[in-house]
Amino acid sequence: MSAQTLERPSVPRPGGGAGPRPWVTVRTAMARWGLRGTALLYLGLMIVLPTVVVVARGFGSGVSAFRDALTTPGAQEAIVLTVVLAAVTALINVVFGTELAYVLVRYRFPGRRLLSTIVDIPFAIPTLVTGVMLRALYGPISPVGAFLGRHGIQVIFAQLGILLALLFVTLPLVVRAVQPVLLELDETEEEAARVLGASRWLTFRRVVFPKLRPGIVAGGLLAFARALGEFGAVVIVSGNIIGKTLTAPVLITQLINGGKPEDAAAVATLLFGLSFVLVLVTERLLATGRKETS
């Protein structure tokens, strides 16, 4: 047999050419844009649209009306109290949240996974339950609350109770913002510093902390933004006393129930503006931290 006899005649494929079929390309493009459109539509309906509505409602009668709404009795005191307590909460949880994240990442000990799970408990339980827990623990008729009361320390229906509620709710935000940065750090630099005689504190301050700074600041800003809007735990433990323990989120609820939705929208718009700026700064810091550790 000759070579020509053994060769099979080539049969051209239907449609000709080796490129993708047009209908396949169109279907792929439609699937891709359909997925994007669905995601953007969901984002718009769930977040963008309510945000636009509340901002438009807050400025519905002009800037002067917005300013007048913020002068509602108790509004300024509530806003100042909310911002101050949120700042104190962020500072405290930055210190202890960073320490807790460092322990979870750098040390191996029995119960480490259980401790990591406990950190996420505030994410899992409703904030109203948090308020009930704190009230049961520190209430005036509880053993702990009665003991503190005999020493002149009031927790429930006081600013201290609000602070404890905010600390409980926001701690995981700091830990989970710092922990991934610690996991990406190379431990050889720390070992080299200790070999050269540096103490653990000096090693942390000179080697670890500069690389952790973006994550720490981001966690603190997230905690601050979260504390600004906390309602469930605060409304249970604060007592909602105007000028003393009334916070901005609780004030918004009172204004709505009192038939003043425009005033409530004005206070909500102010809180939204603060939180939005903080989220933008946080995203920028997290991106900077990822570049520095990569």
C-alpha atoms as a PDB file:
ATOM      1  CA  MET A   1       0.000   0.000   0.000  1.00  0.00           C
ATOM      2  CA  SER A   2       1.173   3.471  -0.720  1.00  0.00           C
ATOM      3  CA  ALA A   3       1.245   6.325   1.763  1.00  0.00           C
ATOM      4  CA  GLN A   4      -1.496   8.039  -0.184  1.00  0.00           C
ATOM      5  CA  THR A   5      -3.801   5.036   0.360  1.00  0.00           C
ATOM      6  CA  LEU A   6      -3.301   5.130   4.154  1.00  0.00           C
ATOM      7  CA  GLU A   7      -3.992   8.856   4.471  1.00  0.00           C
ATOM      8  CA  ARG A   8      -7.529   9.806   5.304  1.00  0.00           C
ATOM      9  CA  PRO A   9      -9.022  12.660   3.429  1.00  0.00           C
ATOM     10  CA  SER A  10      -9.488  15.648   5.676  1.00  0.00           C
ATOM     11  CA  VAL A  11     -13.115  16.463   6.380  1.00  0.00           C
ATOM     12  CA  PRO A  12     -13.763  20.165   6.927  1.00  0.00           C
ATOM     13  CA  ARG A  13     -15.501  21.001  10.206  1.00  0.00           C
ATOM     14  CA  PRO A  14     -18.975  22.503  10.010  1.00  0.00           C
ATOM     15  CA  GLY A  15     -18.831  26.254  10.083  1.00  0.00           C
ATOM     16  CA  GLY A  16     -15.195  26.340   8.966  1.00  0.00           C
ATOM     17  CA  GLY A  17     -12.306  28.005  10.781  1.00  0.00           C
ATOM     18  CA  ALA A  18     -10.731  27.215  14.140  1.00  0.00           C
ATOM     19  CA  GLY A  19     -12.103  30.231  16.056  1.00  0.00           C
ATOM     20  CA  PRO A  20     -15.005  30.175  18.535  1.00  0.00           C
ATOM     21  CA  ARG A  21     -18.498  29.994  17.165  1.00  0.00           C
ATOM     22  CA  PRO A  22     -20.313  33.336  17.184  1.00  0.00           C
ATOM     23  CA  TRP A  23     -23.282  32.055  19.187  1.00  0.00           C
ATOM     24  CA  VAL A  24     -20.918  30.698  21.885  1.00  0.00           C
ATOM     25  CA  THR A  25     -19.210  34.087  22.160  1.00  0.00           C
ATOM     26  CA  VAL A  26     -22.540  35.878  22.440  1.00  0.00           C
ATOM     27  CA  ARG A  27     -23.804  33.472  25.081  1.00  0.00           C
ATOM     28  CA  THR A  28     -20.605  33.895  27.143  1.00  0.00           C
ATOM     29  CA  ALA A  29     -20.832  37.668  26.939  1.00  0.00           C
ATOM     30  CA  MET A  30     -24.495  37.608  27.953  1.00  0.00           C
ATOM     31  CA  ALA A  31     -23.735  35.373  30.942  1.00  0.00           C
ATOM     32  CA  ARG A  32     -20.870  37.627  32.029  1.00  0.00           C
ATOM     33  CA  TRP A  33     -22.872  40.844  31.763  1.00  0.00           C
ATOM     34  CA  GLY A  34     -25.921  39.186  33.265  1.00  0.00           C
ATOM     35  CA  LEU A  35     -23.925  38.215  36.344  1.00  0.00           C
ATOM     36  CA  ARG A  36     -22.490  41.712  36.668  1.00  0.00           C
ATOM     37  CA  GLY A  37     -25.884  43.289  36.171  1.00  0.00           C
ATOM     38  CA  THR A  38     -27.466  41.095  38.833  1.00  0.00           C
ATOM     39  CA  ALA A  39     -24.733  41.952  41.342  1.00  0.00           C
ATOM     40  CA  LEU A  40     -24.974  45.678  40.603  1.00  0.00           C
ATOM     41  CA  LEU A  41     -28.770  45.597  40.762  1.00  0.00           C
ATOM     42  CA  TYR A  42     -28.722  43.877  44.137  1.00  0.00           C
ATOM     43  CA  LEU A  43     -26.124  46.347  45.446  1.00  0.00           C
ATOM     44  CA  GLY A  44     -28.177  49.269  44.197  1.00  0.00           C
ATOM     45  CA  LEU A  45     -31.443  48.054  45.723  1.00  0.00           C
ATOM     46  CA  MET A  46     -29.983  47.008  49.073  1.00  0.00           C
ATOM     47  CA  ILE A  47     -27.450  49.803  49.741  1.00  0.00           C
ATOM     48  CA  VAL A  48     -27.353  52.629  47.212  1.00  0.00           C
ATOM     49  CA  LEU A  49     -31.089  53.318  46.980  1.00  0.00           C
ATOM     50  CA  PRO A  50     -31.764  53.466  50.769  1.00  0.00           C
ATOM     51  CA  THR A  51     -28.671  55.645  51.217  1.00  0.00           C
ATOM     52  CA  VAL A  52     -29.789  58.103  48.548  1.00  0.00           C
ATOM     53  CA  VAL A  53     -33.286  58.255  50.036  1.00  0.00           C
ATOM     54  CA  VAL A  54     -32.129  59.017  53.585  1.00  0.00           C
ATOM     55  CA  VAL A  55     -29.642  61.662  52.409  1.00  0.00           C
ATOM     56  CA  ALA A  56     -32.273  63.281  50.191  1.00  0.00           C
ATOM     57  CA  ARG A  57     -34.742  63.230  53.085  1.00  0.00           C
ATOM     58  CA  GLY A  58     -32.175  64.808  55.397  1.00  0.00           C
ATOM     59  CA  PHE A  59     -31.524  67.687  52.984  1.00  0.00           C
ATOM     60  CA  GLY A  60     -35.081  67.736  51.628  1.00  0.00           C
ATOM     61  CA  SER A  61     -35.854  71.192  53.016  1.00  0.00           C
ATOM     62  CA  GLY A  62     -32.430  72.694  52.443  1.00  0.00           C
ATOM     63  CA  VAL A  63     -29.231  73.062  54.407  1.00  0.00           C
ATOM     64  CA  SER A  64     -30.816  75.422  56.922  1.00  0.00           C
ATOM     65  CA  ALA A  65     -33.479  72.852  57.779  1.00  0.00           C
ATOM     66  CA  PHE A  66     -30.746  70.234  58.100  1.00  0.00           C
ATOM     67  CA  ARG A  67     -28.897  72.503  60.527  1.00  0.00           C
ATOM     68  CA  ASP A  68     -32.079  73.200  62.474  1.00  0.00           C
ATOM     69  CA  ALA A  69     -32.774  69.490  62.758  1.00  0.00           C
ATOM     70  CA  LEU A  70     -29.394  68.972  64.392  1.00  0.00           C
ATOM     71  CA  THR A  71     -30.346  71.541  67.042  1.00  0.00           C
ATOM     72  CA  THR A  72     -33.286  69.437  68.221  1.00  0.00           C
ATOM     73  CA  PRO A  73     -33.274  69.175  72.041  1.00  0.00           C
ATOM     74  CA  GLY A  74     -30.761  66.521  72.976  1.00  0.00           C
ATOM     75  CA  ALA A  75     -29.440  66.060  69.426  1.00  0.00           C
ATOM     76  CA  GLN A  76     -26.073  67.730  69.840  1.00  0.00           C
ATOM     77  CA  GLU A  77     -25.443  66.063  73.186  1.00  0.00           C
ATOM     78  CA  ALA A  78     -26.375  62.683  71.713  1.00  0.00           C
ATOM     79  CA  ILE A  79     -24.081  63.149  68.708  1.00  0.00           C
ATOM     80  CA  VAL A  80     -21.150  64.284  70.857  1.00  0.00           C
ATOM     81  CA  LEU A  81     -21.658  61.392  73.288  1.00  0.00           C
ATOM     82  CA  THR A  82     -21.831  58.910  70.418  1.00  0.00           C
ATOM     83  CA  VAL A  83     -18.638  60.184  68.773  1.00  0.00           C
ATOM     84  CA  VAL A  84     -16.692  60.351  72.049  1.00  0.00           C
ATOM     85  CA  LEU A  85     -17.697  56.861  73.188  1.00  0.00           C
ATOM     86  CA  ALA A  86     -17.002  55.458  69.722  1.00  0.00           C
ATOM     87  CA  ALA A  87     -13.513  57.000  69.794  1.00  0.00           C
ATOM     88  CA  VAL A  88     -12.780  55.624  73.277  1.00  0.00           C
ATOM     89  CA  THR A  89     -14.083  52.210  72.196  1.00  0.00           C
ATOM     90  CA  ALA A  90     -11.825  52.196  69.143  1.00  0.00           C
ATOM     91  CA  LEU A  91      -8.743  53.164  71.171  1.00  0.00           C
ATOM     92  CA  ILE A  92      -9.295  50.495  73.828  1.00  0.00           C
ATOM     93  CA  ASN A  93     -10.063  47.731  71.347  1.00  0.00           C
ATOM     94  CA  VAL A  94      -7.087  48.702  69.182  1.00  0.00           C
ATOM     95  CA  VAL A  95      -4.794  47.911  72.116  1.00  0.00           C
ATOM     96  CA  PHE A  96      -6.432  44.728  73.362  1.00  0.00           C
ATOM     97  CA  GLY A  97      -7.609  43.545  69.940  1.00  0.00           C
ATOM     98  CA  THR A  98      -4.076  43.782  68.555  1.00  0.00           C
ATOM     99  CA  GLU A  99      -2.725  41.935  71.573  1.00  0.00           C
ATOM    100  CA  LEU A 100      -5.331  39.215  71.195  1.00  0.00           C
ATOM    101  CA  ALA A 101      -4.607  38.838  67.468  1.00  0.00           C
ATOM    102  CA  TYR A 102      -0.873  38.562  68.199  1.00  0.00           C
ATOM    103  CA  VAL A 103      -1.496  35.826  70.774  1.00  0.00           C
ATOM    104  CA  LEU A 104      -3.724  33.871  68.384  1.00  0.00           C
ATOM    105  CA  VAL A 105      -1.177  34.012  65.549  1.00  0.00           C
ATOM    106  CA  ARG A 106       2.210  33.761  67.272  1.00  0.00           C
ATOM    107  CA  TYR A 107       1.507  31.303  70.120  1.00  0.00           C
ATOM    108  CA  ARG A 108       0.411  27.670  70.133  1.00  0.00           C
ATOM    109  CA  PHE A 109      -1.445  26.552  73.256  1.00  0.00           C
ATOM    110  CA  PRO A 110      -4.371  24.298  74.219  1.00  0.00           C
ATOM    111  CA  GLY A 111      -7.673  26.022  73.601  1.00  0.00           C
ATOM    112  CA  ARG A 112      -6.373  28.405  70.947  1.00  0.00           C
ATOM    113  CA  ARG A 113      -9.093  27.434  68.483  1.00  0.00           C
ATOM    114  CA  LEU A 114     -11.726  27.802  71.186  1.00  0.00           C
ATOM    115  CA  LEU A 115     -10.402  31.276  71.960  1.00  0.00           C
ATOM    116  CA  SER A 116     -10.551  32.188  68.277  1.00  0.00           C
ATOM    117  CA  THR A 117     -14.179  31.010  68.176  1.00  0.00           C
ATOM    118  CA  ILE A 118     -15.056  33.054  71.262  1.00  0.00           C
ATOM    119  CA  VAL A 119     -13.730  36.165  69.530  1.00  0.00           C
ATOM    120  CA  ASP A 120     -16.442  35.776  66.875  1.00  0.00           C
ATOM    121  CA  ILE A 121     -19.321  35.435  69.352  1.00  0.00           C
ATOM    122  CA  PRO A 122     -20.334  39.123  69.025  1.00  0.00           C
ATOM    123  CA  PHE A 123     -20.799  38.477  65.297  1.00  0.00           C
ATOM    124  CA  ALA A 124     -23.085  35.532  65.947  1.00  0.00           C
ATOM    125  CA  ILE A 125     -25.509  36.845  68.572  1.00  0.00           C
ATOM    126  CA  PRO A 126     -28.024  39.688  68.154  1.00  0.00           C
ATOM    127  CA  THR A 127     -26.921  42.936  69.734  1.00  0.00           C
ATOM    128  CA  LEU A 128     -30.137  43.051  71.760  1.00  0.00           C
ATOM    129  CA  VAL A 129     -29.000  39.831  73.399  1.00  0.00           C
ATOM    130  CA  THR A 130     -25.704  41.550  74.189  1.00  0.00           C
ATOM    131  CA  GLY A 131     -27.591  44.281  76.015  1.00  0.00           C
ATOM    132  CA  VAL A 132     -29.617  41.748  77.967  1.00  0.00           C
ATOM    133  CA  MET A 133     -26.433  39.874  78.925  1.00  0.00           C
ATOM    134  CA  LEU A 134     -24.751  43.032  80.191  1.00  0.00           C
ATOM    135  CA  ARG A 135     -27.853  44.093  82.076  1.00  0.00           C
ATOM    136  CA  ALA A 136     -28.094  40.680  83.729  1.00  0.00           C
ATOM    137  CA  LEU A 137     -24.424  40.823  84.697  1.00  0.00           C
ATOM    138  CA  TYR A 138     -24.111  44.462  85.789  1.00  0.00           C
ATOM    139  CA  GLY A 139     -27.703  45.326  86.721  1.00  0.00           C
ATOM    140  CA  PRO A 140     -28.370  46.836  90.155  1.00  0.00           C
ATOM    141  CA  ILE A 141     -29.905  43.615  91.475  1.00  0.00           C
ATOM    142  CA  SER A 142     -27.128  41.339  90.199  1.00  0.00           C
ATOM    143  CA  PRO A 143     -24.246  40.369  92.536  1.00  0.00           C
ATOM    144  CA  VAL A 144     -21.657  42.151  90.387  1.00  0.00           C
ATOM    145  CA  GLY A 145     -23.806  45.237  89.871  1.00  0.00           C
ATOM    146  CA  ALA A 146     -24.683  45.449  93.560  1.00  0.00           C
ATOM    147  CA  PHE A 147     -21.012  45.152  94.517  1.00  0.00           C
ATOM    148  CA  LEU A 148     -20.008  47.921  92.117  1.00  0.00           C
ATOM    149  CA  GLY A 149     -22.936  50.046  93.286  1.00  0.00           C
ATOM    150  CA  ARG A 150     -21.757  49.850  96.888  1.00  0.00           C
ATOM    151  CA  HIS A 151     -18.445  51.308  95.684  1.00  0.00           C
ATOM    152  CA  GLY A 152     -20.102  54.120  93.759  1.00  0.00           C
ATOM    153  CA  ILE A 153     -19.720  52.596  90.286  1.00  0.00           C
ATOM    154  CA  GLN A 154     -22.877  52.502  88.171  1.00  0.00           C
ATOM    155  CA  VAL A 155     -22.765  50.515  84.951  1.00  0.00           C
ATOM    156  CA  ILE A 156     -26.323  50.080  83.742  1.00  0.00           C
ATOM    157  CA  PHE A 157     -28.133  53.316  82.793  1.00  0.00           C
ATOM    158  CA  ALA A 158     -24.757  55.060  82.695  1.00  0.00           C
ATOM    159  CA  GLN A 159     -22.142  55.864  80.073  1.00  0.00           C
ATOM    160  CA  LEU A 160     -19.943  53.054  81.383  1.00  0.00           C
ATOM    161  CA  GLY A 161     -22.589  50.526  80.376  1.00  0.00           C
ATOM    162  CA  ILE A 162     -22.708  51.983  76.856  1.00  0.00           C
ATOM    163  CA  LEU A 163     -18.927  51.732  76.631  1.00  0.00           C
ATOM    164  CA  LEU A 164     -18.951  48.083  77.700  1.00  0.00           C
ATOM    165  CA  ALA A 165     -21.616  47.285  75.109  1.00  0.00           C
ATOM    166  CA  LEU A 166     -19.615  48.972  72.348  1.00  0.00           C
ATOM    167  CA  LEU A 167     -16.412  47.217  73.404  1.00  0.00           C
ATOM    168  CA  PHE A 168     -18.142  43.851  73.266  1.00  0.00           C
ATOM    169  CA  VAL A 169     -19.660  44.445  69.837  1.00  0.00           C
ATOM    170  CA  THR A 170     -16.589  45.896  68.098  1.00  0.00           C
ATOM    171  CA  LEU A 171     -13.731  43.748  69.448  1.00  0.00           C
ATOM    172  CA  PRO A 172     -13.865  41.150  66.618  1.00  0.00           C
ATOM    173  CA  LEU A 173     -13.517  43.891  64.000  1.00  0.00           C
ATOM    174  CA  VAL A 174     -10.071  44.837  65.290  1.00  0.00           C
ATOM    175  CA  VAL A 175      -8.896  41.259  65.809  1.00  0.00           C
ATOM    176  CA  ARG A 176      -9.957  40.117  62.348  1.00  0.00           C
ATOM    177  CA  ALA A 177      -8.413  43.182  60.706  1.00  0.00           C
ATOM    178  CA  VAL A 178      -5.016  42.667  62.360  1.00  0.00           C
ATOM    179  CA  GLN A 179      -4.866  38.871  62.239  1.00  0.00           C
ATOM    180  CA  PRO A 180      -4.494  38.457  58.433  1.00  0.00           C
ATOM    181  CA  VAL A 181      -1.646  40.987  58.384  1.00  0.00           C
ATOM    182  CA  LEU A 182       0.159  39.056  61.120  1.00  0.00           C
ATOM    183  CA  LEU A 183      -0.292  35.795  59.213  1.00  0.00           C
ATOM    184  CA  GLU A 184       1.416  37.285  56.146  1.00  0.00           C
ATOM    185  CA  LEU A 185       4.447  38.606  58.050  1.00  0.00           C
ATOM    186  CA  ASP A 186       7.728  36.716  57.819  1.00  0.00           C
ATOM    187  CA  GLU A 187       8.767  35.510  61.277  1.00  0.00           C
ATOM    188  CA  THR A 188      12.441  35.334  60.295  1.00  0.00           C
ATOM    189  CA  GLU A 189      12.823  39.077  60.879  1.00  0.00           C
ATOM    190  CA  GLU A 190      11.498  38.706  64.419  1.00  0.00           C
ATOM    191  CA  GLU A 191      13.805  35.740  65.050  1.00  0.00           C
ATOM    192  CA  ALA A 192      16.767  37.709  63.722  1.00  0.00           C
ATOM    193  CA  ALA A 193      15.955  40.623  66.040  1.00  0.00           C
ATOM    194  CA  ARG A 194      15.751  38.303  69.054  1.00  0.00           C
ATOM    195  CA  VAL A 195      19.027  36.625  68.105  1.00  0.00           C
ATOM    196  CA  LEU A 196      20.662  40.053  68.081  1.00  0.00           C
ATOM    197  CA  GLY A 197      19.488  40.566  71.655  1.00  0.00           C
ATOM    198  CA  ALA A 198      16.288  42.546  71.215  1.00  0.00           C
ATOM    199  CA  SER A 199      13.547  41.952  73.755  1.00  0.00           C
ATOM    200  CA  ARG A 200      10.060  40.853  72.694  1.00  0.00           C
ATOM    201  CA  TRP A 201       8.699  44.333  73.264  1.00  0.00           C
ATOM    202  CA  LEU A 202      11.501  45.969  71.277  1.00  0.00           C
ATOM    203  CA  THR A 203      11.058  43.420  68.495  1.00  0.00           C
ATOM    204  CA  PHE A 204       7.355  44.112  68.343  1.00  0.00           C
ATOM    205  CA  ARG A 205       7.812  47.885  68.392  1.00  0.00           C
ATOM    206  CA  ARG A 206      10.610  48.078  65.824  1.00  0.00           C
ATOM    207  CA  VAL A 207       9.915  45.098  63.537  1.00  0.00           C
ATOM    208  CA  VAL A 208       6.266  44.030  63.792  1.00  0.00           C
ATOM    209  CA  PHE A 209       4.352  47.206  64.598  1.00  0.00           C
ATOM    210  CA  PRO A 210       5.425  49.259  61.537  1.00  0.00           C
ATOM    211  CA  LYS A 211       4.041  46.549  59.256  1.00  0.00           C
ATOM    212  CA  LEU A 212       0.926  46.103  61.374  1.00  0.00           C
ATOM    213  CA  ARG A 213       0.116  49.809  61.507  1.00  0.00           C
ATOM    214  CA  PRO A 214      -2.244  49.885  58.477  1.00  0.00           C
ATOM    215  CA  GLY A 215      -4.191  46.878  59.782  1.00  0.00           C
ATOM    216  CA  ILE A 216      -4.379  48.298  63.302  1.00  0.00           C
ATOM    217  CA  VAL A 217      -5.615  51.683  62.095  1.00  0.00           C
ATOM    218  CA  ALA A 218      -8.100  50.014  59.745  1.00  0.00           C
ATOM    219  CA  GLY A 219      -9.456  47.856  62.568  1.00  0.00           C
ATOM    220  CA  GLY A 220      -9.764  50.890  64.804  1.00  0.00           C
ATOM    221  CA  LEU A 221     -11.653  52.837  62.146  1.00  0.00           C
ATOM    222  CA  LEU A 222     -13.997  49.914  61.535  1.00  0.00           C
ATOM    223  CA  ALA A 223     -14.656  49.670  65.270  1.00  0.00           C
ATOM    224  CA  PHE A 224     -15.306  53.422  65.413  1.00  0.00           C
ATOM    225  CA  ALA A 225     -17.714  53.308  62.478  1.00  0.00           C
ATOM    226  CA  ARG A 226     -19.521  50.297  63.951  1.00  0.00           C
ATOM    227  CA  ALA A 227     -19.825  51.975  67.349  1.00  0.00           C
ATOM    228  CA  LEU A 228     -21.367  55.080  65.763  1.00  0.00           C
ATOM    229  CA  GLY A 229     -24.371  53.101  64.591  1.00  0.00           C
ATOM    230  CA  GLU A 230     -24.831  50.607  67.429  1.00  0.00           C
ATOM    231  CA  PHE A 231     -28.435  50.510  68.643  1.00  0.00           C
ATOM    232  CA  GLY A 232     -29.494  47.105  69.941  1.00  0.00           C
ATOM    233  CA  ALA A 233     -27.097  46.696  72.862  1.00  0.00           C
ATOM    234  CA  VAL A 234     -27.077  50.398  73.738  1.00  0.00           C
ATOM    235  CA  VAL A 235     -30.843  50.841  73.976  1.00  0.00           C
ATOM    236  CA  ILE A 236     -30.982  48.102  76.646  1.00  0.00           C
ATOM    237  CA  VAL A 237     -28.181  49.355  78.907  1.00  0.00           C
ATOM    238  CA  SER A 238     -28.217  53.135  78.475  1.00  0.00           C
ATOM    239  CA  GLY A 239     -31.541  54.197  79.932  1.00  0.00           C
ATOM    240  CA  ASN A 240     -31.828  56.793  77.112  1.00  0.00           C
ATOM    241  CA  ILE A 241     -31.533  59.809  79.403  1.00  0.00           C
ATOM    242  CA  ILE A 242     -31.421  63.025  77.341  1.00  0.00           C
ATOM    243  CA  GLY A 243     -28.137  64.837  77.771  1.00  0.00           C
ATOM    244  CA  LYS A 244     -26.550  61.950  79.691  1.00  0.00           C
ATOM    245  CA  THR A 245     -26.940  58.518  78.107  1.00  0.00           C
ATOM    246  CA  LEU A 246     -28.986  59.151  74.961  1.00  0.00           C
ATOM    247  CA  THR A 247     -26.963  58.212  71.870  1.00  0.00           C
ATOM    248  CA  ALA A 248     -27.545  59.292  68.282  1.00  0.00           C
ATOM    249  CA  PRO A 249     -28.966  55.968  66.973  1.00  0.00           C
ATOM    250  CA  VAL A 250     -31.468  55.830  69.845  1.00  0.00           C
ATOM    251  CA  LEU A 251     -32.326  59.497  69.251  1.00  0.00           C
ATOM    252  CA  ILE A 252     -33.136  58.678  65.623  1.00  0.00           C
ATOM    253  CA  THR A 253     -35.650  56.066  66.778  1.00  0.00           C
ATOM    254  CA  GLN A 254     -37.237  58.520  69.208  1.00  0.00           C
ATOM    255  CA  LEU A 255     -37.551  61.178  66.512  1.00  0.00           C
ATOM    256  CA  ILE A 256     -39.243  58.749  64.140  1.00  0.00           C
ATOM    257  CA  ASN A 257     -41.659  57.586  66.831  1.00  0.00           C
ATOM    258  CA  GLY A 258     -42.310  61.231  67.682  1.00  0.00           C
ATOM    259  CA  GLY A 259     -43.401  62.050  64.135  1.00  0.00           C
ATOM    260  CA  LYS A 260     -40.233  63.872  63.074  1.00  0.00           C
ATOM    261  CA  PRO A 261     -38.833  61.777  60.207  1.00  0.00           C
ATOM    262  CA  GLU A 262     -37.001  64.743  58.647  1.00  0.00           C
ATOM    263  CA  ASP A 263     -35.065  65.406  61.858  1.00  0.00           C
ATOM    264  CA  ALA A 264     -34.303  61.704  62.164  1.00  0.00           C
ATOM    265  CA  ALA A 265     -33.050  61.637  58.574  1.00  0.00           C
ATOM    266  CA  ALA A 266     -30.788  64.624  59.273  1.00  0.00           C
ATOM    267  CA  VAL A 267     -29.105  62.899  62.233  1.00  0.00           C
ATOM    268  CA  ALA A 268     -28.870  59.665  60.233  1.00  0.00           C
ATOM    269  CA  THR A 269     -27.263  61.527  57.328  1.00  0.00           C
ATOM    270  CA  LEU A 270     -24.601  62.952  59.633  1.00  0.00           C
ATOM    271  CA  LEU A 271     -23.783  59.503  61.021  1.00  0.00           C
ATOM    272  CA  PHE A 272     -23.747  58.069  57.517  1.00  0.00           C
ATOM    273  CA  GLY A 273     -21.309  60.727  56.344  1.00  0.00           C
ATOM    274  CA  LEU A 274     -18.898  59.978  59.181  1.00  0.00           C
ATOM    275  CA  SER A 275     -19.119  56.231  58.638  1.00  0.00           C
ATOM    276  CA  PHE A 276     -18.726  56.518  54.861  1.00  0.00           C
ATOM    277  CA  VAL A 277     -15.544  58.568  55.166  1.00  0.00           C
ATOM    278  CA  LEU A 278     -14.146  56.103  57.698  1.00  0.00           C
ATOM    279  CA  VAL A 279     -14.886  53.138  55.433  1.00  0.00           C
ATOM    280  CA  LEU A 280     -13.101  54.836  52.522  1.00  0.00           C
ATOM    281  CA  VAL A 281     -10.054  55.527  54.685  1.00  0.00           C
ATOM    282  CA  THR A 282     -10.129  51.952  55.982  1.00  0.00           C
ATOM    283  CA  GLU A 283     -10.171  50.484  52.478  1.00  0.00           C
ATOM    284  CA  ARG A 284      -7.220  52.676  51.516  1.00  0.00           C
ATOM    285  CA  LEU A 285      -5.250  51.611  54.600  1.00  0.00           C
ATOM    286  CA  LEU A 286      -5.958  47.921  54.022  1.00  0.00           C
ATOM    287  CA  ALA A 287      -4.783  48.233  50.422  1.00  0.00           C
ATOM    288  CA  THR A 288      -1.610  49.951  51.628  1.00  0.00           C
ATOM    289  CA  GLY A 289      -1.033  47.206  54.176  1.00  0.00           C
ATOM    290  CA  ARG A 290      -1.377  44.488  51.542  1.00  0.00           C
ATOM    291  CA  LYS A 291       1.177  46.245  49.325  1.00  0.00           C
ATOM    292  CA  GLU A 292       3.656  46.592  52.187  1.00  0.00           C
ATOM    293  CA  THR A 293       3.418  42.946  53.220  1.00  0.00           C
ATOM    294  CA  SER A 294       3.546  41.567  49.666  1.00  0.00           C
END
